[in-house]
């Protein structure tokens, strides 16, 4: 389950003392490696075209910034969803969930679920915008063939 994996990966970084953003970038790199190697591409490259000499992937030369950001974005979204769900399940509350009993707060549980729903709607809006980009982004066309005399 990607949400559980994203929650674990980001939580391990954010909950450690003196956390280092580079650990988060390495988690994104590890996720990018899961894309594997695309068919017919050099080792480590998930996307690209041989005839264009343009490749995107994780190799000993580094990770493509596009894939770093792609996977980092997914990790952070998974973390956010997992964190909100975990707080809902715990009934996380600063006022009512206190030692020694740590009784869950049903009101904040509902509020965290409302937050999770709002986050989901924000992601849906982003997906809608991405779909618009897919439809509206003009692609260059090959030059017209020049008739030979």
Protein backbone atom coordinates (compact mmCIF):
# COMPACT_ATOMS: atom_id res chain seq x y z
CA UNK A 1 0.00 0.00 0.00
CA UNK A 2 1.72 3.22 -1.12
CA UNK A 3 0.14 5.40 1.59
CA UNK A 4 1.56 3.21 4.34
CA UNK A 5 4.97 3.19 2.64
CA UNK A 6 4.96 6.97 2.12
CA UNK A 7 3.86 7.54 5.72
CA UNK A 8 6.65 5.32 7.00
CA UNK A 9 9.35 6.80 4.75
CA UNK A 10 8.57 10.44 5.49
CA UNK A 11 7.83 9.82 9.17
CA UNK A 12 11.24 8.17 9.58
CA UNK A 13 12.86 11.38 8.33
CA UNK A 14 10.66 13.94 10.06
CA UNK A 15 10.61 12.18 13.43
CA UNK A 16 14.37 11.73 13.68
CA UNK A 17 16.44 14.27 15.60
CA UNK A 18 18.13 16.81 13.34
CA UNK A 19 16.32 15.47 10.30
CA UNK A 20 18.00 15.97 6.99
CA UNK A 21 16.15 16.78 3.76
CA UNK A 22 18.67 14.59 1.94
CA UNK A 23 17.17 11.51 3.61
CA UNK A 24 13.82 12.50 2.15
CA UNK A 25 15.40 12.95 -1.27
CA UNK A 26 16.95 9.49 -0.97
CA UNK A 27 13.51 8.05 -0.17
CA UNK A 28 12.22 9.75 -3.34
CA UNK A 29 15.19 8.31 -5.28
CA UNK A 30 14.39 4.83 -3.93
CA UNK A 31 10.78 5.27 -5.07
CA UNK A 32 11.92 6.44 -8.51
CA UNK A 33 14.02 3.28 -8.86
CA UNK A 34 10.80 1.27 -8.62
CA UNK A 35 9.85 2.65 -12.04
CA UNK A 36 12.50 0.30 -13.42
CA UNK A 37 14.00 0.44 -16.88
CA UNK A 38 11.77 1.18 -19.84
CA UNK A 39 11.63 -1.24 -22.72
CA UNK A 40 14.62 -0.81 -25.01
CA UNK A 41 16.17 1.94 -22.88
CA UNK A 42 19.60 1.98 -21.25
CA UNK A 43 19.73 0.53 -17.74
CA UNK A 44 18.05 2.67 -15.09
CA UNK A 45 16.09 4.91 -17.42
CA UNK A 46 12.32 4.62 -17.04
CA UNK A 47 11.42 7.10 -19.78
CA UNK A 48 13.06 8.46 -22.87
CA UNK A 49 13.73 7.88 -26.51
CA UNK A 50 16.95 6.47 -27.88
CA UNK A 51 16.68 8.38 -31.14
CA UNK A 52 16.43 11.65 -29.16
CA UNK A 53 19.16 10.77 -26.66
CA UNK A 54 16.91 12.05 -23.88
CA UNK A 55 16.35 9.89 -20.83
CA UNK A 56 14.76 10.11 -17.37
CA UNK A 57 15.61 7.69 -14.61
CA UNK A 58 17.89 6.70 -11.76
CA UNK A 59 21.43 5.82 -12.78
CA UNK A 60 24.95 6.16 -11.43
CA UNK A 61 24.92 9.62 -13.06
CA UNK A 62 22.06 10.69 -10.78
CA UNK A 63 18.30 10.93 -10.74
CA UNK A 64 16.33 13.09 -13.13
CA UNK A 65 14.90 16.10 -11.31
CA UNK A 66 11.50 15.36 -12.85
CA UNK A 67 11.46 11.92 -11.24
CA UNK A 68 12.83 13.23 -7.92
CA UNK A 69 10.01 15.74 -7.69
CA UNK A 70 7.40 13.27 -8.96
CA UNK A 71 8.29 10.71 -6.32
CA UNK A 72 8.84 13.29 -3.57
CA UNK A 73 5.40 14.71 -4.29
CA UNK A 74 3.84 11.27 -4.05
CA UNK A 75 5.68 10.49 -0.81
CA UNK A 76 4.52 13.75 0.75
CA UNK A 77 0.92 13.22 -0.39
CA UNK A 78 0.96 9.65 0.95
CA UNK A 79 2.42 10.89 4.22
CA UNK A 80 -0.24 13.58 4.58
CA UNK A 81 -3.08 11.12 3.91
CA UNK A 82 -1.62 8.53 6.26
CA UNK A 83 -0.98 11.08 9.01
CA UNK A 84 -4.52 12.47 8.87
CA UNK A 85 -6.01 8.94 8.87
CA UNK A 86 -3.78 7.93 11.80
CA UNK A 87 -4.81 11.01 13.80
CA UNK A 88 -8.48 10.26 13.05
CA UNK A 89 -8.06 6.67 14.22
CA UNK A 90 -6.26 7.78 17.39
CA UNK A 91 -8.77 10.53 18.11
CA UNK A 92 -5.81 12.89 18.36
CA UNK A 93 -6.70 15.94 20.45
CA UNK A 94 -4.60 18.45 22.40
CA UNK A 95 -7.31 19.04 25.00
CA UNK A 96 -8.95 15.67 25.64
CA UNK A 97 -6.46 12.93 24.72
CA UNK A 98 -4.09 13.20 27.66
CA UNK A 99 -2.07 10.95 29.94
CA UNK A 100 -2.54 8.67 31.62
CA UNK A 101 -5.54 7.31 29.69
CA UNK A 102 -5.08 8.90 26.24
CA UNK A 103 -8.78 8.51 25.53
CA UNK A 104 -9.58 9.26 21.90
CA UNK A 105 -11.59 12.37 21.11
CA UNK A 106 -14.47 11.51 18.78
CA UNK A 107 -14.91 15.16 17.81
CA UNK A 108 -11.32 15.58 16.61
CA UNK A 109 -11.47 12.14 14.97
CA UNK A 110 -14.30 13.49 12.81
CA UNK A 111 -12.38 16.72 12.19
CA UNK A 112 -9.31 14.81 11.02
CA UNK A 113 -11.53 12.81 8.67
CA UNK A 114 -12.93 16.10 7.37
CA UNK A 115 -9.36 17.27 6.80
CA UNK A 116 -8.57 14.03 4.97
CA UNK A 117 -11.61 14.56 2.75
CA UNK A 118 -10.55 18.14 2.00
CA UNK A 119 -7.05 16.92 1.15
CA UNK A 120 -8.55 14.32 -1.19
CA UNK A 121 -10.61 17.03 -2.91
CA UNK A 122 -7.47 19.16 -3.34
CA UNK A 123 -5.79 16.18 -5.00
CA UNK A 124 -8.82 15.66 -7.24
CA UNK A 125 -8.65 19.31 -8.27
CA UNK A 126 -4.98 18.84 -9.10
CA UNK A 127 -5.79 15.74 -11.16
CA UNK A 128 -8.47 17.72 -13.01
CA UNK A 129 -5.91 20.43 -13.75
CA UNK A 130 -3.39 17.84 -14.95
CA UNK A 131 -6.03 16.36 -17.25
CA UNK A 132 -6.66 19.85 -18.67
CA UNK A 133 -2.93 20.23 -19.25
CA UNK A 134 -2.89 16.93 -21.10
CA UNK A 135 -5.72 18.06 -23.35
CA UNK A 136 -4.62 21.67 -23.87
CA UNK A 137 -0.85 21.39 -24.19
CA UNK A 138 0.00 21.77 -27.86
CA UNK A 139 2.59 19.32 -29.11
CA UNK A 140 5.04 20.38 -31.78
CA UNK A 141 4.36 18.82 -35.14
CA UNK A 142 7.09 17.52 -37.40
CA UNK A 143 8.01 19.93 -40.16
CA UNK A 144 6.10 19.51 -43.36
CA UNK A 145 7.89 17.48 -45.97
CA UNK A 146 9.56 19.65 -48.55
CA UNK A 147 8.67 18.48 -52.06
CA UNK A 148 11.70 17.48 -54.06
CA UNK A 149 11.97 18.98 -57.54
